[in-house]
N, C-alpha and C. Protein backbone atom coordinates (compact mmCIF):
# COMPACT_ATOMS: atom_id res chain seq x y z
N MET A 1 5.90 -26.93 11.81
CA MET A 1 5.12 -26.45 10.68
C MET A 1 5.15 -24.92 10.61
N GLN A 2 5.01 -24.27 11.77
CA GLN A 2 5.01 -22.81 11.80
C GLN A 2 6.35 -22.25 11.31
N VAL A 3 7.43 -22.93 11.63
CA VAL A 3 8.75 -22.49 11.16
C VAL A 3 8.80 -22.53 9.64
N LEU A 4 8.27 -23.58 9.04
CA LEU A 4 8.23 -23.70 7.59
C LEU A 4 7.39 -22.58 6.98
N ILE A 5 6.24 -22.32 7.55
CA ILE A 5 5.36 -21.27 7.05
C ILE A 5 6.06 -19.91 7.12
N ASN A 6 6.71 -19.61 8.24
CA ASN A 6 7.42 -18.34 8.38
C ASN A 6 8.55 -18.22 7.37
N ARG A 7 9.28 -19.31 7.16
CA ARG A 7 10.37 -19.29 6.18
C ARG A 7 9.82 -19.06 4.77
N LEU A 8 8.72 -19.71 4.43
CA LEU A 8 8.12 -19.53 3.12
C LEU A 8 7.61 -18.09 2.94
N ARG A 9 7.09 -17.50 3.98
CA ARG A 9 6.63 -16.10 3.89
C ARG A 9 7.80 -15.17 3.60
N ARG A 10 8.94 -15.39 4.26
CA ARG A 10 10.12 -14.56 4.01
C ARG A 10 10.59 -14.71 2.58
N ILE A 11 10.58 -15.93 2.08
CA ILE A 11 10.98 -16.17 0.68
C ILE A 11 9.99 -15.49 -0.25
N ALA A 12 8.71 -15.64 0.02
CA ALA A 12 7.67 -15.07 -0.85
C ALA A 12 7.74 -13.56 -0.90
N ALA A 13 8.11 -12.93 0.19
CA ALA A 13 8.19 -11.47 0.22
C ALA A 13 9.23 -10.94 -0.76
N ARG A 14 10.20 -11.77 -1.12
CA ARG A 14 11.24 -11.35 -2.05
C ARG A 14 10.90 -11.67 -3.50
N LEU A 15 9.82 -12.36 -3.73
CA LEU A 15 9.46 -12.75 -5.09
C LEU A 15 8.51 -11.75 -5.72
N VAL A 16 8.68 -11.50 -6.98
CA VAL A 16 7.68 -10.75 -7.73
C VAL A 16 6.61 -11.75 -8.14
N PRO A 17 5.38 -11.30 -8.38
CA PRO A 17 4.30 -12.24 -8.70
C PRO A 17 4.62 -13.19 -9.85
N ARG A 18 5.32 -12.74 -10.88
CA ARG A 18 5.65 -13.60 -12.02
C ARG A 18 6.49 -14.78 -11.58
N ARG A 19 7.48 -14.53 -10.72
CA ARG A 19 8.32 -15.63 -10.22
C ARG A 19 7.53 -16.53 -9.28
N ALA A 20 6.60 -15.94 -8.54
CA ALA A 20 5.80 -16.73 -7.62
C ALA A 20 4.96 -17.74 -8.37
N VAL A 21 4.44 -17.34 -9.52
CA VAL A 21 3.65 -18.28 -10.32
C VAL A 21 4.53 -19.43 -10.80
N LEU A 22 5.74 -19.12 -11.25
CA LEU A 22 6.68 -20.16 -11.66
C LEU A 22 6.99 -21.09 -10.49
N MET A 23 7.23 -20.52 -9.31
CA MET A 23 7.50 -21.34 -8.14
C MET A 23 6.29 -22.22 -7.80
N ALA A 24 5.08 -21.68 -8.00
CA ALA A 24 3.88 -22.46 -7.73
C ALA A 24 3.81 -23.68 -8.63
N MET A 25 4.20 -23.49 -9.88
CA MET A 25 4.15 -24.60 -10.83
C MET A 25 5.20 -25.65 -10.50
N LEU A 26 6.34 -25.22 -10.00
CA LEU A 26 7.44 -26.14 -9.75
C LEU A 26 7.40 -26.82 -8.38
N SER A 27 6.80 -26.18 -7.42
CA SER A 27 6.92 -26.69 -6.05
C SER A 27 5.66 -27.30 -5.47
N GLY A 28 4.65 -27.45 -6.24
CA GLY A 28 3.45 -28.11 -5.73
C GLY A 28 2.41 -27.10 -5.29
N PRO A 29 1.18 -27.51 -5.25
CA PRO A 29 0.07 -26.59 -5.02
C PRO A 29 0.11 -25.85 -3.68
N LEU A 30 0.36 -26.53 -2.59
CA LEU A 30 0.30 -25.87 -1.29
C LEU A 30 1.42 -24.87 -1.12
N VAL A 31 2.64 -25.30 -1.33
CA VAL A 31 3.79 -24.40 -1.17
C VAL A 31 3.72 -23.29 -2.20
N GLY A 32 3.38 -23.62 -3.43
CA GLY A 32 3.28 -22.62 -4.48
C GLY A 32 2.23 -21.57 -4.19
N ALA A 33 1.08 -21.99 -3.69
CA ALA A 33 0.03 -21.04 -3.36
C ALA A 33 0.48 -20.09 -2.26
N MET A 34 1.19 -20.62 -1.28
CA MET A 34 1.69 -19.77 -0.19
C MET A 34 2.70 -18.77 -0.72
N LEU A 35 3.58 -19.18 -1.63
CA LEU A 35 4.56 -18.27 -2.20
C LEU A 35 3.89 -17.18 -3.03
N ALA A 36 2.91 -17.58 -3.85
CA ALA A 36 2.22 -16.61 -4.69
C ALA A 36 1.46 -15.60 -3.82
N TYR A 37 0.78 -16.08 -2.79
CA TYR A 37 0.04 -15.19 -1.91
C TYR A 37 0.98 -14.21 -1.22
N GLY A 38 2.10 -14.69 -0.75
CA GLY A 38 3.05 -13.82 -0.06
C GLY A 38 3.63 -12.77 -0.97
N ALA A 39 3.92 -13.11 -2.22
CA ALA A 39 4.49 -12.15 -3.16
C ALA A 39 3.49 -11.06 -3.50
N VAL A 40 2.24 -11.44 -3.73
CA VAL A 40 1.22 -10.46 -4.05
C VAL A 40 0.94 -9.58 -2.83
N ALA A 41 0.87 -10.18 -1.64
CA ALA A 41 0.63 -9.40 -0.42
C ALA A 41 1.77 -8.43 -0.17
N ALA A 42 3.01 -8.85 -0.41
CA ALA A 42 4.15 -7.95 -0.22
C ALA A 42 4.09 -6.80 -1.20
N GLN A 43 3.69 -7.09 -2.44
CA GLN A 43 3.59 -6.03 -3.44
C GLN A 43 2.49 -5.05 -3.04
N ASP A 44 1.33 -5.53 -2.59
CA ASP A 44 0.24 -4.67 -2.19
C ASP A 44 0.59 -3.85 -0.96
N ALA A 45 1.34 -4.42 -0.03
CA ALA A 45 1.71 -3.71 1.19
C ALA A 45 2.57 -2.50 0.87
N ALA A 46 3.27 -2.54 -0.25
CA ALA A 46 4.11 -1.42 -0.63
C ALA A 46 3.29 -0.23 -1.11
N ASN A 47 2.01 -0.41 -1.35
CA ASN A 47 1.15 0.65 -1.88
C ASN A 47 0.17 1.16 -0.84
N VAL A 48 0.57 1.11 0.41
CA VAL A 48 -0.31 1.50 1.52
C VAL A 48 0.31 2.65 2.29
N VAL A 49 -0.52 3.63 2.62
CA VAL A 49 -0.11 4.72 3.50
C VAL A 49 -0.96 4.61 4.76
N THR A 50 -0.30 4.60 5.89
CA THR A 50 -0.99 4.51 7.17
C THR A 50 -1.10 5.89 7.79
N ILE A 51 -2.26 6.19 8.30
CA ILE A 51 -2.48 7.44 9.03
C ILE A 51 -2.52 7.07 10.50
N ASP A 52 -1.56 7.59 11.25
CA ASP A 52 -1.47 7.25 12.68
C ASP A 52 -0.71 8.35 13.40
N ASN A 53 -1.19 8.72 14.58
CA ASN A 53 -0.52 9.72 15.41
C ASN A 53 -0.30 11.02 14.64
N PHE A 54 -1.32 11.43 13.89
CA PHE A 54 -1.30 12.68 13.12
C PHE A 54 -0.17 12.73 12.09
N THR A 55 0.18 11.58 11.50
CA THR A 55 1.18 11.54 10.44
C THR A 55 0.75 10.55 9.36
N PHE A 56 1.24 10.79 8.15
CA PHE A 56 1.12 9.86 7.06
C PHE A 56 2.40 9.05 7.00
N GLY A 57 2.30 7.73 6.93
CA GLY A 57 3.51 6.92 6.87
C GLY A 57 3.39 5.86 5.79
N PRO A 58 4.30 5.81 4.88
CA PRO A 58 5.47 6.69 4.76
C PRO A 58 5.06 8.08 4.27
N LYS A 59 5.89 9.05 4.59
CA LYS A 59 5.62 10.43 4.19
C LYS A 59 5.72 10.59 2.67
N GLU A 60 6.63 9.83 2.04
CA GLU A 60 6.75 9.81 0.58
C GLU A 60 6.70 8.37 0.10
N LEU A 61 5.89 8.13 -0.92
CA LEU A 61 5.72 6.80 -1.48
C LEU A 61 5.98 6.87 -2.98
N THR A 62 6.82 5.99 -3.50
CA THR A 62 7.10 5.94 -4.93
C THR A 62 6.47 4.69 -5.52
N VAL A 63 5.67 4.89 -6.58
CA VAL A 63 4.94 3.78 -7.21
C VAL A 63 5.03 3.91 -8.73
N ALA A 64 4.65 2.85 -9.41
CA ALA A 64 4.60 2.84 -10.87
C ALA A 64 3.27 3.42 -11.36
N VAL A 65 3.29 3.93 -12.59
CA VAL A 65 2.05 4.41 -13.22
C VAL A 65 1.04 3.26 -13.23
N GLY A 66 -0.20 3.58 -12.90
CA GLY A 66 -1.25 2.57 -12.87
C GLY A 66 -1.47 1.93 -11.52
N THR A 67 -0.69 2.34 -10.53
CA THR A 67 -0.78 1.76 -9.19
C THR A 67 -1.91 2.40 -8.39
N THR A 68 -2.61 1.60 -7.62
CA THR A 68 -3.61 2.10 -6.69
C THR A 68 -2.98 2.18 -5.31
N VAL A 69 -3.07 3.35 -4.70
CA VAL A 69 -2.55 3.56 -3.34
C VAL A 69 -3.75 3.62 -2.40
N THR A 70 -3.61 2.97 -1.24
CA THR A 70 -4.67 2.96 -0.24
C THR A 70 -4.17 3.60 1.04
N TRP A 71 -4.94 4.56 1.55
CA TRP A 71 -4.67 5.19 2.84
C TRP A 71 -5.62 4.58 3.85
N THR A 72 -5.09 4.22 5.03
CA THR A 72 -5.92 3.66 6.10
C THR A 72 -5.70 4.49 7.36
N ASN A 73 -6.79 4.95 7.95
CA ASN A 73 -6.71 5.76 9.17
C ASN A 73 -6.72 4.86 10.39
N HIS A 74 -5.58 4.78 11.07
CA HIS A 74 -5.49 4.01 12.31
C HIS A 74 -5.53 4.92 13.54
N ASP A 75 -5.73 6.20 13.33
CA ASP A 75 -5.87 7.15 14.43
C ASP A 75 -7.28 7.05 14.99
N ASP A 76 -7.45 7.50 16.22
CA ASP A 76 -8.81 7.55 16.78
C ASP A 76 -9.46 8.91 16.51
N ILE A 77 -8.82 9.70 15.66
CA ILE A 77 -9.30 11.02 15.24
C ILE A 77 -9.58 10.95 13.73
N PRO A 78 -10.67 11.55 13.25
CA PRO A 78 -10.94 11.54 11.81
C PRO A 78 -9.90 12.35 11.03
N HIS A 79 -9.59 11.88 9.83
CA HIS A 79 -8.67 12.55 8.91
C HIS A 79 -9.22 12.40 7.50
N ASN A 80 -8.63 13.15 6.57
CA ASN A 80 -8.93 12.93 5.16
C ASN A 80 -7.64 13.10 4.36
N VAL A 81 -7.72 12.83 3.07
CA VAL A 81 -6.58 12.89 2.16
C VAL A 81 -7.01 13.76 0.98
N VAL A 82 -6.31 14.90 0.80
CA VAL A 82 -6.71 15.86 -0.22
C VAL A 82 -5.47 16.32 -0.98
N SER A 83 -5.55 16.30 -2.32
CA SER A 83 -4.47 16.88 -3.10
C SER A 83 -4.79 18.35 -3.33
N PRO A 84 -3.78 19.23 -3.25
CA PRO A 84 -4.04 20.67 -3.43
C PRO A 84 -4.71 20.98 -4.76
N GLU A 85 -4.42 20.21 -5.80
CA GLU A 85 -5.00 20.44 -7.13
C GLU A 85 -6.37 19.78 -7.27
N GLN A 86 -6.86 19.16 -6.20
CA GLN A 86 -8.15 18.44 -6.21
C GLN A 86 -8.15 17.28 -7.21
N LYS A 87 -6.98 16.67 -7.45
CA LYS A 87 -6.91 15.49 -8.33
C LYS A 87 -7.55 14.29 -7.62
N PHE A 88 -7.48 14.30 -6.29
CA PHE A 88 -8.16 13.29 -5.50
C PHE A 88 -8.52 13.89 -4.15
N LYS A 89 -9.60 13.39 -3.58
CA LYS A 89 -10.06 13.87 -2.27
C LYS A 89 -10.88 12.77 -1.63
N SER A 90 -10.47 12.38 -0.44
CA SER A 90 -11.21 11.35 0.27
C SER A 90 -12.32 11.99 1.10
N PRO A 91 -13.30 11.20 1.46
CA PRO A 91 -14.22 11.67 2.50
C PRO A 91 -13.48 11.66 3.83
N VAL A 92 -14.09 12.17 4.85
CA VAL A 92 -13.49 12.09 6.18
C VAL A 92 -13.45 10.62 6.59
N LEU A 93 -12.25 10.17 6.98
CA LEU A 93 -12.05 8.76 7.33
C LEU A 93 -12.04 8.60 8.84
N ASP A 94 -12.93 7.79 9.34
CA ASP A 94 -12.94 7.47 10.76
C ASP A 94 -11.93 6.35 11.01
N THR A 95 -11.79 5.92 12.23
CA THR A 95 -10.84 4.88 12.59
C THR A 95 -11.03 3.63 11.74
N ASP A 96 -9.93 3.16 11.15
CA ASP A 96 -9.86 1.95 10.32
C ASP A 96 -10.60 2.06 8.99
N GLU A 97 -11.04 3.24 8.61
CA GLU A 97 -11.63 3.41 7.28
C GLU A 97 -10.51 3.66 6.27
N MET A 98 -10.79 3.32 4.99
CA MET A 98 -9.77 3.41 3.95
C MET A 98 -10.26 4.24 2.78
N PHE A 99 -9.28 4.77 2.04
CA PHE A 99 -9.52 5.49 0.80
C PHE A 99 -8.46 5.06 -0.20
N SER A 100 -8.86 4.81 -1.45
CA SER A 100 -7.91 4.40 -2.49
C SER A 100 -8.01 5.32 -3.69
N HIS A 101 -6.87 5.50 -4.34
CA HIS A 101 -6.81 6.29 -5.57
C HIS A 101 -5.82 5.65 -6.52
N LYS A 102 -6.21 5.54 -7.79
CA LYS A 102 -5.34 4.98 -8.82
C LYS A 102 -4.60 6.12 -9.52
N PHE A 103 -3.27 6.00 -9.60
CA PHE A 103 -2.44 7.02 -10.22
C PHE A 103 -2.13 6.59 -11.65
N ASP A 104 -2.75 7.28 -12.63
CA ASP A 104 -2.64 6.90 -14.03
C ASP A 104 -1.57 7.68 -14.80
N ALA A 105 -0.98 8.70 -14.18
CA ALA A 105 0.01 9.51 -14.88
C ALA A 105 1.21 9.75 -13.98
N ALA A 106 2.38 9.81 -14.62
CA ALA A 106 3.61 10.09 -13.86
C ALA A 106 3.57 11.50 -13.29
N GLY A 107 4.25 11.67 -12.18
CA GLY A 107 4.32 12.99 -11.55
C GLY A 107 4.47 12.87 -10.05
N THR A 108 4.54 14.00 -9.39
CA THR A 108 4.60 14.06 -7.93
C THR A 108 3.29 14.63 -7.44
N TYR A 109 2.61 13.88 -6.61
CA TYR A 109 1.30 14.25 -6.11
C TYR A 109 1.39 14.51 -4.61
N LYS A 110 1.37 15.78 -4.25
CA LYS A 110 1.38 16.14 -2.82
C LYS A 110 -0.04 16.03 -2.29
N TYR A 111 -0.15 15.74 -1.01
CA TYR A 111 -1.46 15.68 -0.38
C TYR A 111 -1.34 16.09 1.08
N TYR A 112 -2.48 16.35 1.70
CA TYR A 112 -2.52 16.76 3.10
C TYR A 112 -3.87 16.38 3.69
N CYS A 113 -4.00 16.53 4.99
CA CYS A 113 -5.28 16.36 5.67
C CYS A 113 -5.87 17.76 5.83
N SER A 114 -7.02 18.01 5.24
CA SER A 114 -7.60 19.36 5.33
C SER A 114 -8.12 19.68 6.72
N ILE A 115 -8.31 18.67 7.54
CA ILE A 115 -8.73 18.88 8.92
C ILE A 115 -7.52 19.29 9.78
N HIS A 116 -6.36 18.72 9.45
CA HIS A 116 -5.09 18.98 10.17
C HIS A 116 -4.03 19.29 9.11
N PRO A 117 -4.00 20.52 8.58
CA PRO A 117 -3.17 20.84 7.40
C PRO A 117 -1.66 20.63 7.58
N ARG A 118 -1.18 20.47 8.80
CA ARG A 118 0.25 20.20 8.97
C ARG A 118 0.60 18.75 8.62
N MET A 119 -0.41 17.91 8.47
CA MET A 119 -0.20 16.53 8.05
C MET A 119 -0.05 16.53 6.52
N THR A 120 1.14 16.20 6.04
CA THR A 120 1.38 16.22 4.60
C THR A 120 2.11 14.95 4.16
N GLY A 121 2.04 14.68 2.88
CA GLY A 121 2.75 13.57 2.28
C GLY A 121 2.77 13.74 0.78
N GLN A 122 3.41 12.79 0.09
CA GLN A 122 3.39 12.84 -1.37
C GLN A 122 3.58 11.46 -1.95
N VAL A 123 3.00 11.28 -3.13
CA VAL A 123 3.17 10.06 -3.90
C VAL A 123 3.92 10.44 -5.17
N VAL A 124 5.03 9.78 -5.43
CA VAL A 124 5.81 9.98 -6.65
C VAL A 124 5.47 8.83 -7.58
N VAL A 125 4.98 9.16 -8.76
CA VAL A 125 4.56 8.14 -9.72
C VAL A 125 5.54 8.19 -10.90
N ARG A 126 6.16 7.03 -11.19
CA ARG A 126 7.15 6.95 -12.28
C ARG A 126 6.71 5.96 -13.33
């Protein structure tokens, strides 16, 4: 059973949500639900920046207009996320705390940690 679940997760990761819904309709409720969940989870995972070991990862993230990006601090040191133009600014994030921002306009948005200014990254919105 676990082999089947793992195989379905790999398939779902390659599906866009629209195709996952079609697969759900064609393949039955259980398998379809797993495919749809995996496709949406894979899409959401692409919009995450991890803060760990005094770095933002990925350092550059490209997303579509209207996308919400979430930063999660996995360091045991507090950090924040600040754009130089003050378009967005998180509170200080402790371990495992998150901050999200929705990007409504195309452009390149640089950001840094104001506590540790050498930590930098950018979001490219197309």
